[in-house]
N, C-alpha and C. Protein backbone atom coordinates (compact mmCIF):
# COMPACT_ATOMS: atom_id res chain seq x y z
N MET A 1 16.02 -15.55 17.56
CA MET A 1 15.65 -14.31 16.91
C MET A 1 15.38 -14.57 15.43
N SER A 2 14.23 -14.13 14.96
CA SER A 2 13.89 -14.38 13.56
C SER A 2 14.53 -13.34 12.65
N GLN A 3 14.79 -13.75 11.45
CA GLN A 3 15.41 -12.88 10.47
C GLN A 3 14.35 -11.95 9.89
N GLU A 4 14.73 -10.71 9.60
CA GLU A 4 13.81 -9.75 9.00
C GLU A 4 13.43 -10.23 7.60
N PRO A 5 12.18 -10.02 7.22
CA PRO A 5 11.77 -10.44 5.87
C PRO A 5 12.43 -9.58 4.80
N VAL A 6 12.51 -10.14 3.63
CA VAL A 6 13.01 -9.42 2.46
C VAL A 6 11.84 -8.63 1.89
N ILE A 7 12.07 -7.35 1.60
CA ILE A 7 11.07 -6.51 0.94
C ILE A 7 11.53 -6.34 -0.50
N ARG A 8 10.66 -6.74 -1.44
CA ARG A 8 11.02 -6.60 -2.85
C ARG A 8 9.77 -6.50 -3.70
N ARG A 9 9.97 -6.07 -4.93
CA ARG A 9 8.87 -6.00 -5.88
C ARG A 9 8.39 -7.41 -6.23
N ALA A 10 7.09 -7.52 -6.43
CA ALA A 10 6.54 -8.80 -6.88
C ALA A 10 7.02 -9.08 -8.29
N ARG A 11 7.22 -10.35 -8.57
CA ARG A 11 7.66 -10.80 -9.91
C ARG A 11 6.61 -11.73 -10.49
N MET A 12 6.69 -11.96 -11.76
CA MET A 12 5.74 -12.88 -12.41
C MET A 12 5.75 -14.25 -11.74
N ALA A 13 6.91 -14.69 -11.28
CA ALA A 13 7.00 -15.98 -10.61
C ALA A 13 6.21 -16.01 -9.30
N ASP A 14 5.87 -14.84 -8.75
CA ASP A 14 5.10 -14.75 -7.51
C ASP A 14 3.59 -14.79 -7.74
N LEU A 15 3.17 -14.75 -8.99
CA LEU A 15 1.76 -14.56 -9.32
C LEU A 15 0.85 -15.57 -8.61
N GLY A 16 1.16 -16.85 -8.68
CA GLY A 16 0.31 -17.88 -8.08
C GLY A 16 0.18 -17.72 -6.58
N ARG A 17 1.29 -17.55 -5.89
CA ARG A 17 1.18 -17.43 -4.44
C ARG A 17 0.63 -16.07 -4.02
N LEU A 18 0.78 -15.03 -4.85
CA LEU A 18 0.16 -13.74 -4.56
C LEU A 18 -1.36 -13.83 -4.66
N VAL A 19 -1.85 -14.53 -5.68
CA VAL A 19 -3.30 -14.76 -5.81
C VAL A 19 -3.80 -15.51 -4.57
N GLY A 20 -3.10 -16.56 -4.18
CA GLY A 20 -3.50 -17.33 -3.00
C GLY A 20 -3.49 -16.49 -1.74
N TYR A 21 -2.47 -15.68 -1.57
CA TYR A 21 -2.37 -14.81 -0.38
C TYR A 21 -3.52 -13.82 -0.34
N LEU A 22 -3.78 -13.13 -1.46
CA LEU A 22 -4.85 -12.14 -1.50
C LEU A 22 -6.21 -12.77 -1.21
N ASN A 23 -6.45 -13.93 -1.76
CA ASN A 23 -7.73 -14.60 -1.50
C ASN A 23 -7.85 -15.08 -0.05
N ARG A 24 -6.74 -15.38 0.57
CA ARG A 24 -6.74 -15.83 1.95
C ARG A 24 -6.94 -14.66 2.92
N VAL A 25 -6.33 -13.51 2.64
CA VAL A 25 -6.36 -12.40 3.60
C VAL A 25 -7.51 -11.42 3.35
N ARG A 26 -8.18 -11.54 2.21
CA ARG A 26 -9.33 -10.67 1.92
C ARG A 26 -10.56 -11.54 1.65
N PRO A 27 -11.02 -12.28 2.65
CA PRO A 27 -12.12 -13.23 2.42
C PRO A 27 -13.46 -12.57 2.07
N LEU A 28 -13.66 -11.33 2.44
CA LEU A 28 -14.93 -10.68 2.17
C LEU A 28 -14.97 -10.00 0.81
N VAL A 29 -13.84 -9.97 0.13
CA VAL A 29 -13.75 -9.38 -1.20
C VAL A 29 -13.91 -10.51 -2.22
N THR A 30 -14.49 -10.19 -3.36
CA THR A 30 -14.63 -11.19 -4.41
C THR A 30 -13.28 -11.82 -4.71
N PRO A 31 -13.19 -13.14 -4.76
CA PRO A 31 -11.90 -13.79 -5.03
C PRO A 31 -11.27 -13.28 -6.33
N ILE A 32 -9.97 -13.22 -6.31
CA ILE A 32 -9.22 -12.75 -7.48
C ILE A 32 -8.56 -13.97 -8.13
N ASN A 33 -8.45 -13.95 -9.46
CA ASN A 33 -7.75 -15.03 -10.15
C ASN A 33 -6.52 -14.44 -10.83
N ARG A 34 -5.74 -15.30 -11.47
CA ARG A 34 -4.48 -14.86 -12.08
C ARG A 34 -4.71 -13.78 -13.13
N GLU A 35 -5.75 -13.94 -13.96
CA GLU A 35 -6.00 -12.97 -15.03
C GLU A 35 -6.38 -11.61 -14.46
N ALA A 36 -7.22 -11.60 -13.42
CA ALA A 36 -7.62 -10.34 -12.79
C ALA A 36 -6.42 -9.66 -12.14
N LEU A 37 -5.55 -10.43 -11.50
CA LEU A 37 -4.37 -9.85 -10.88
C LEU A 37 -3.43 -9.28 -11.94
N LEU A 38 -3.30 -9.96 -13.06
CA LEU A 38 -2.46 -9.43 -14.14
C LEU A 38 -3.01 -8.11 -14.68
N ARG A 39 -4.34 -8.01 -14.79
CA ARG A 39 -4.94 -6.73 -15.22
C ARG A 39 -4.65 -5.63 -14.19
N ASP A 40 -4.77 -5.97 -12.92
CA ASP A 40 -4.50 -5.02 -11.84
C ASP A 40 -3.03 -4.60 -11.87
N TRP A 41 -2.17 -5.55 -12.17
CA TRP A 41 -0.73 -5.33 -12.20
C TRP A 41 -0.34 -4.29 -13.26
N ALA A 42 -1.19 -4.07 -14.25
CA ALA A 42 -0.89 -3.08 -15.27
C ALA A 42 -0.86 -1.67 -14.69
N ASN A 43 -1.57 -1.45 -13.58
CA ASN A 43 -1.65 -0.12 -12.98
C ASN A 43 -1.03 -0.01 -11.60
N TRP A 44 -0.87 -1.13 -10.93
CA TRP A 44 -0.39 -1.12 -9.55
C TRP A 44 0.83 -2.00 -9.41
N GLY A 45 1.81 -1.50 -8.71
CA GLY A 45 2.96 -2.30 -8.36
C GLY A 45 2.73 -2.94 -7.00
N TYR A 46 3.26 -4.12 -6.82
CA TYR A 46 3.13 -4.80 -5.53
C TYR A 46 4.51 -4.98 -4.92
N LEU A 47 4.64 -4.57 -3.67
CA LEU A 47 5.82 -4.86 -2.89
C LEU A 47 5.45 -6.00 -1.95
N LEU A 48 6.34 -6.95 -1.82
CA LEU A 48 6.10 -8.09 -0.95
C LEU A 48 7.08 -8.11 0.21
N ALA A 49 6.60 -8.50 1.37
CA ALA A 49 7.45 -8.82 2.51
C ALA A 49 7.50 -10.34 2.54
N LEU A 50 8.70 -10.89 2.34
CA LEU A 50 8.86 -12.34 2.21
C LEU A 50 9.76 -12.88 3.31
N ASP A 51 9.29 -13.93 3.95
CA ASP A 51 10.13 -14.68 4.89
C ASP A 51 9.81 -16.15 4.72
N GLY A 52 10.05 -16.62 3.52
CA GLY A 52 9.69 -17.98 3.12
C GLY A 52 8.37 -17.95 2.37
N ASP A 53 7.40 -17.25 2.89
CA ASP A 53 6.12 -17.05 2.23
C ASP A 53 5.81 -15.56 2.31
N ILE A 54 4.71 -15.14 1.73
CA ILE A 54 4.33 -13.74 1.78
C ILE A 54 3.81 -13.44 3.18
N SER A 55 4.43 -12.46 3.84
CA SER A 55 3.98 -12.07 5.18
C SER A 55 3.34 -10.69 5.17
N GLY A 56 3.41 -10.00 4.04
CA GLY A 56 2.78 -8.70 3.90
C GLY A 56 2.95 -8.19 2.48
N LEU A 57 2.13 -7.20 2.14
CA LEU A 57 2.25 -6.60 0.81
C LEU A 57 1.74 -5.17 0.83
N ALA A 58 2.16 -4.42 -0.17
CA ALA A 58 1.66 -3.07 -0.40
C ALA A 58 1.40 -2.95 -1.90
N ALA A 59 0.25 -2.38 -2.24
CA ALA A 59 -0.08 -2.08 -3.64
C ALA A 59 0.04 -0.58 -3.82
N TRP A 60 0.81 -0.15 -4.81
CA TRP A 60 1.04 1.28 -4.99
C TRP A 60 1.27 1.62 -6.45
N GLN A 61 1.13 2.90 -6.78
CA GLN A 61 1.39 3.39 -8.12
C GLN A 61 1.95 4.80 -8.04
N VAL A 62 2.54 5.23 -9.15
CA VAL A 62 3.09 6.58 -9.25
C VAL A 62 2.49 7.26 -10.46
N GLU A 63 2.10 8.50 -10.26
CA GLU A 63 1.54 9.29 -11.36
C GLU A 63 1.75 10.75 -11.04
N ASN A 64 2.16 11.53 -12.02
CA ASN A 64 2.32 12.98 -11.86
C ASN A 64 3.13 13.36 -10.62
N TYR A 65 4.24 12.69 -10.42
CA TYR A 65 5.16 12.98 -9.32
C TYR A 65 4.56 12.76 -7.93
N ALA A 66 3.64 11.81 -7.83
CA ALA A 66 3.09 11.43 -6.53
C ALA A 66 2.89 9.91 -6.51
N ALA A 67 3.06 9.34 -5.33
CA ALA A 67 2.80 7.91 -5.15
C ALA A 67 1.50 7.76 -4.37
N CYS A 68 0.77 6.73 -4.71
CA CYS A 68 -0.51 6.44 -4.07
C CYS A 68 -0.45 4.99 -3.59
N VAL A 69 -0.59 4.79 -2.29
CA VAL A 69 -0.57 3.44 -1.72
C VAL A 69 -2.02 3.02 -1.50
N ARG A 70 -2.50 2.09 -2.31
CA ARG A 70 -3.89 1.65 -2.25
C ARG A 70 -4.16 0.80 -1.02
N GLU A 71 -3.23 -0.10 -0.72
CA GLU A 71 -3.44 -0.96 0.44
C GLU A 71 -2.12 -1.49 0.96
N ILE A 72 -2.13 -1.72 2.25
CA ILE A 72 -1.04 -2.40 2.94
C ILE A 72 -1.70 -3.53 3.72
N ILE A 73 -1.22 -4.74 3.51
CA ILE A 73 -1.81 -5.89 4.19
C ILE A 73 -0.70 -6.63 4.94
N VAL A 74 -0.90 -6.79 6.23
CA VAL A 74 -0.05 -7.63 7.07
C VAL A 74 -1.00 -8.38 7.98
N THR A 75 -0.98 -9.69 7.90
CA THR A 75 -1.96 -10.48 8.66
C THR A 75 -1.55 -10.78 10.09
N ASP A 76 -0.27 -10.84 10.38
CA ASP A 76 0.20 -11.15 11.73
C ASP A 76 0.16 -9.89 12.59
N PRO A 77 -0.74 -9.81 13.56
CA PRO A 77 -0.86 -8.59 14.36
C PRO A 77 0.41 -8.23 15.14
N THR A 78 1.23 -9.23 15.45
CA THR A 78 2.47 -8.95 16.20
C THR A 78 3.54 -8.30 15.32
N ARG A 79 3.36 -8.38 14.01
CA ARG A 79 4.35 -7.82 13.08
C ARG A 79 3.78 -6.72 12.20
N LYS A 80 2.52 -6.38 12.43
CA LYS A 80 1.83 -5.44 11.54
C LYS A 80 2.58 -4.12 11.38
N GLU A 81 2.93 -3.49 12.50
CA GLU A 81 3.60 -2.19 12.41
C GLU A 81 4.99 -2.29 11.81
N SER A 82 5.76 -3.29 12.22
CA SER A 82 7.14 -3.37 11.72
C SER A 82 7.17 -3.67 10.22
N LEU A 83 6.30 -4.57 9.76
CA LEU A 83 6.28 -4.88 8.33
C LEU A 83 5.70 -3.72 7.52
N ALA A 84 4.64 -3.09 8.02
CA ALA A 84 4.07 -1.93 7.32
C ALA A 84 5.10 -0.81 7.23
N LYS A 85 5.85 -0.61 8.28
CA LYS A 85 6.89 0.43 8.29
C LYS A 85 7.97 0.11 7.25
N SER A 86 8.37 -1.16 7.17
CA SER A 86 9.38 -1.56 6.18
C SER A 86 8.86 -1.40 4.75
N LEU A 87 7.61 -1.79 4.52
CA LEU A 87 7.01 -1.64 3.19
C LEU A 87 6.93 -0.16 2.81
N LEU A 88 6.49 0.69 3.75
CA LEU A 88 6.39 2.12 3.45
C LEU A 88 7.76 2.76 3.25
N ALA A 89 8.75 2.33 4.02
CA ALA A 89 10.10 2.87 3.83
C ALA A 89 10.62 2.54 2.44
N THR A 90 10.33 1.34 1.96
CA THR A 90 10.75 0.95 0.61
C THR A 90 10.02 1.80 -0.43
N ILE A 91 8.72 1.99 -0.25
CA ILE A 91 7.96 2.84 -1.18
C ILE A 91 8.50 4.26 -1.16
N GLU A 92 8.78 4.79 0.01
CA GLU A 92 9.32 6.15 0.11
C GLU A 92 10.65 6.27 -0.63
N GLY A 93 11.50 5.25 -0.49
CA GLY A 93 12.78 5.27 -1.18
C GLY A 93 12.61 5.23 -2.69
N GLU A 94 11.74 4.34 -3.16
CA GLU A 94 11.51 4.25 -4.61
C GLU A 94 10.82 5.51 -5.14
N ALA A 95 9.89 6.05 -4.36
CA ALA A 95 9.20 7.27 -4.78
C ALA A 95 10.18 8.44 -4.88
N SER A 96 11.13 8.51 -3.98
CA SER A 96 12.15 9.57 -4.05
C SER A 96 13.00 9.44 -5.30
N VAL A 97 13.38 8.21 -5.62
CA VAL A 97 14.17 7.98 -6.84
C VAL A 97 13.38 8.41 -8.08
N LEU A 98 12.06 8.25 -8.03
CA LEU A 98 11.19 8.62 -9.15
C LEU A 98 10.79 10.09 -9.10
N ALA A 99 11.41 10.87 -8.22
CA ALA A 99 11.18 12.31 -8.08
C ALA A 99 9.76 12.66 -7.63
N CYS A 100 9.13 11.76 -6.89
CA CYS A 100 7.80 12.06 -6.37
C CYS A 100 7.89 13.16 -5.31
N ARG A 101 6.85 13.94 -5.25
CA ARG A 101 6.79 15.04 -4.28
C ARG A 101 5.92 14.71 -3.09
N ALA A 102 5.11 13.65 -3.21
CA ALA A 102 4.21 13.28 -2.11
C ALA A 102 3.81 11.82 -2.22
N ILE A 103 3.39 11.27 -1.09
CA ILE A 103 2.83 9.92 -1.03
C ILE A 103 1.48 10.01 -0.33
N PHE A 104 0.48 9.37 -0.91
CA PHE A 104 -0.86 9.32 -0.34
C PHE A 104 -1.15 7.92 0.18
N LEU A 105 -1.83 7.86 1.33
CA LEU A 105 -2.26 6.61 1.93
C LEU A 105 -3.74 6.72 2.30
N PHE A 106 -4.39 5.58 2.47
CA PHE A 106 -5.79 5.54 2.85
C PHE A 106 -5.96 4.64 4.06
N ALA A 107 -6.94 4.97 4.89
CA ALA A 107 -7.28 4.11 6.03
C ALA A 107 -8.74 4.33 6.37
N PRO A 108 -9.41 3.29 6.86
CA PRO A 108 -10.79 3.50 7.32
C PRO A 108 -10.81 4.56 8.43
N LYS A 109 -11.76 5.46 8.37
CA LYS A 109 -11.86 6.50 9.39
C LYS A 109 -12.05 5.90 10.77
N SER A 110 -12.63 4.73 10.84
CA SER A 110 -12.86 4.08 12.14
C SER A 110 -11.62 3.39 12.69
N ASP A 111 -10.56 3.28 11.88
CA ASP A 111 -9.34 2.58 12.30
C ASP A 111 -8.36 3.59 12.90
N LEU A 112 -8.62 3.98 14.13
CA LEU A 112 -7.79 4.99 14.79
C LEU A 112 -6.35 4.54 15.03
N PRO A 113 -6.10 3.26 15.36
CA PRO A 113 -4.70 2.84 15.52
C PRO A 113 -3.88 3.00 14.23
N THR A 114 -4.48 2.68 13.07
CA THR A 114 -3.75 2.84 11.80
C THR A 114 -3.50 4.32 11.52
N ALA A 115 -4.49 5.16 11.77
CA ALA A 115 -4.32 6.60 11.57
C ALA A 115 -3.18 7.13 12.45
N ALA A 116 -3.14 6.71 13.71
CA ALA A 116 -2.08 7.15 14.61
C ALA A 116 -0.72 6.64 14.14
N PHE A 117 -0.67 5.39 13.66
CA PHE A 117 0.58 4.82 13.13
C PHE A 117 1.08 5.63 11.94
N TYR A 118 0.19 5.93 10.99
CA TYR A 118 0.59 6.73 9.83
C TYR A 118 1.12 8.09 10.27
N GLN A 119 0.48 8.69 11.24
CA GLN A 119 0.93 10.01 11.70
C GLN A 119 2.29 9.93 12.37
N ARG A 120 2.55 8.85 13.10
CA ARG A 120 3.89 8.68 13.70
C ARG A 120 4.97 8.58 12.63
N LEU A 121 4.59 8.09 11.43
CA LEU A 121 5.55 7.96 10.32
C LEU A 121 5.61 9.23 9.47
N GLY A 122 4.89 10.27 9.87
CA GLY A 122 4.95 11.55 9.16
C GLY A 122 3.86 11.79 8.14
N TYR A 123 2.86 10.91 8.08
CA TYR A 123 1.73 11.08 7.16
C TYR A 123 0.65 11.88 7.88
N MET A 124 0.21 12.95 7.27
CA MET A 124 -0.77 13.84 7.87
C MET A 124 -2.13 13.69 7.20
N PRO A 125 -3.21 13.78 8.00
CA PRO A 125 -4.55 13.72 7.40
C PRO A 125 -4.73 14.88 6.42
N LEU A 126 -5.48 14.63 5.36
CA LEU A 126 -5.71 15.65 4.34
C LEU A 126 -7.15 15.55 3.86
N GLU A 127 -7.83 16.67 3.80
CA GLU A 127 -9.18 16.72 3.25
C GLU A 127 -9.10 16.60 1.73
N ALA A 128 -10.02 15.87 1.16
CA ALA A 128 -10.01 15.64 -0.29
C ALA A 128 -10.07 16.94 -1.08
N THR A 129 -10.72 17.94 -0.54
CA THR A 129 -10.86 19.22 -1.26
C THR A 129 -9.52 19.95 -1.38
N LEU A 130 -8.53 19.53 -0.61
CA LEU A 130 -7.22 20.20 -0.64
C LEU A 130 -6.20 19.49 -1.53
N ILE A 131 -6.60 18.42 -2.19
CA ILE A 131 -5.67 17.67 -3.05
C ILE A 131 -5.32 18.52 -4.27
N ASN A 132 -4.06 18.59 -4.58
CA ASN A 132 -3.59 19.27 -5.78
C ASN A 132 -4.32 18.70 -6.99
N LYS A 133 -4.76 19.56 -7.88
CA LYS A 133 -5.57 19.12 -9.03
C LYS A 133 -4.89 18.04 -9.86
N ARG A 134 -3.59 18.10 -10.00
CA ARG A 134 -2.91 17.10 -10.85
C ARG A 134 -2.91 15.72 -10.21
N TRP A 135 -3.20 15.63 -8.90
CA TRP A 135 -3.21 14.34 -8.22
C TRP A 135 -4.61 13.81 -7.96
N GLN A 136 -5.63 14.62 -8.21
CA GLN A 136 -7.00 14.22 -7.91
C GLN A 136 -7.42 12.96 -8.68
N GLU A 137 -7.05 12.87 -9.94
CA GLU A 137 -7.46 11.72 -10.75
C GLU A 137 -6.94 10.41 -10.18
N MET A 138 -5.78 10.44 -9.59
CA MET A 138 -5.19 9.24 -9.02
C MET A 138 -5.79 8.93 -7.64
N VAL A 139 -6.05 9.94 -6.85
CA VAL A 139 -6.43 9.76 -5.45
C VAL A 139 -7.94 9.61 -5.24
N LEU A 140 -8.73 10.45 -5.88
CA LEU A 140 -10.16 10.49 -5.58
C LEU A 140 -10.92 9.18 -5.79
N PRO A 141 -10.57 8.34 -6.77
CA PRO A 141 -11.31 7.08 -6.91
C PRO A 141 -11.21 6.14 -5.70
N HIS A 142 -10.24 6.36 -4.83
CA HIS A 142 -10.04 5.49 -3.68
C HIS A 142 -10.69 6.03 -2.41
N LEU A 143 -11.28 7.20 -2.51
CA LEU A 143 -11.92 7.80 -1.35
C LEU A 143 -13.42 7.52 -1.37
N SER A 144 -13.95 7.24 -0.22
CA SER A 144 -15.39 7.08 -0.06
C SER A 144 -15.73 7.61 1.33
N GLU A 145 -16.98 7.52 1.68
CA GLU A 145 -17.48 8.11 2.93
C GLU A 145 -16.66 7.70 4.15
N GLY A 146 -16.28 6.45 4.25
CA GLY A 146 -15.61 5.98 5.45
C GLY A 146 -14.10 5.90 5.36
N ILE A 147 -13.51 6.50 4.35
CA ILE A 147 -12.06 6.40 4.13
C ILE A 147 -11.37 7.74 4.41
N ALA A 148 -10.30 7.69 5.18
CA ALA A 148 -9.49 8.87 5.47
C ALA A 148 -8.28 8.89 4.54
N LEU A 149 -7.84 10.07 4.18
CA LEU A 149 -6.69 10.28 3.31
C LEU A 149 -5.54 10.86 4.11
N PHE A 150 -4.33 10.37 3.84
CA PHE A 150 -3.13 10.86 4.50
C PHE A 150 -2.10 11.20 3.43
N ILE A 151 -1.28 12.21 3.71
CA ILE A 151 -0.23 12.62 2.77
C ILE A 151 1.09 12.80 3.52
N LYS A 152 2.15 12.47 2.82
CA LYS A 152 3.50 12.79 3.32
C LYS A 152 4.23 13.44 2.16
N GLU A 153 4.70 14.65 2.39
CA GLU A 153 5.46 15.34 1.35
C GLU A 153 6.91 14.88 1.43
N LEU A 154 7.48 14.65 0.28
CA LEU A 154 8.87 14.18 0.22
C LEU A 154 9.82 15.33 -0.07
């Protein structure tokens, strides 16, 4: 039986292997370097699932009492749901401590299994026109034609 991975915030010491992981798991996206990741880090926090190496991550931020999860990446399909659930549970816990009232997630509209997974965890689909005005600035830049929005109120 394998040990559950440790879920923790990324640290500066993780920078090199985080760059390597992102470039490995997002091959169709322009490669990222250390400087670009540091700029991104100014606005987004990274949670890592670690079991010797990075096995998953979540990029998220908090603004105006809401958390926004930009991406969740887990490459092993046999562990995708369990690691994503652990990453989201950690975000939910930290968001509660920060007095957040809601968490927003995104998924491709064509990815029905991910949408169903989010709904099983209590995240409900939300039309962009219904977003509270104070949260629009944080959420709307991540929405496009093929992206679905989900919300969970805390």
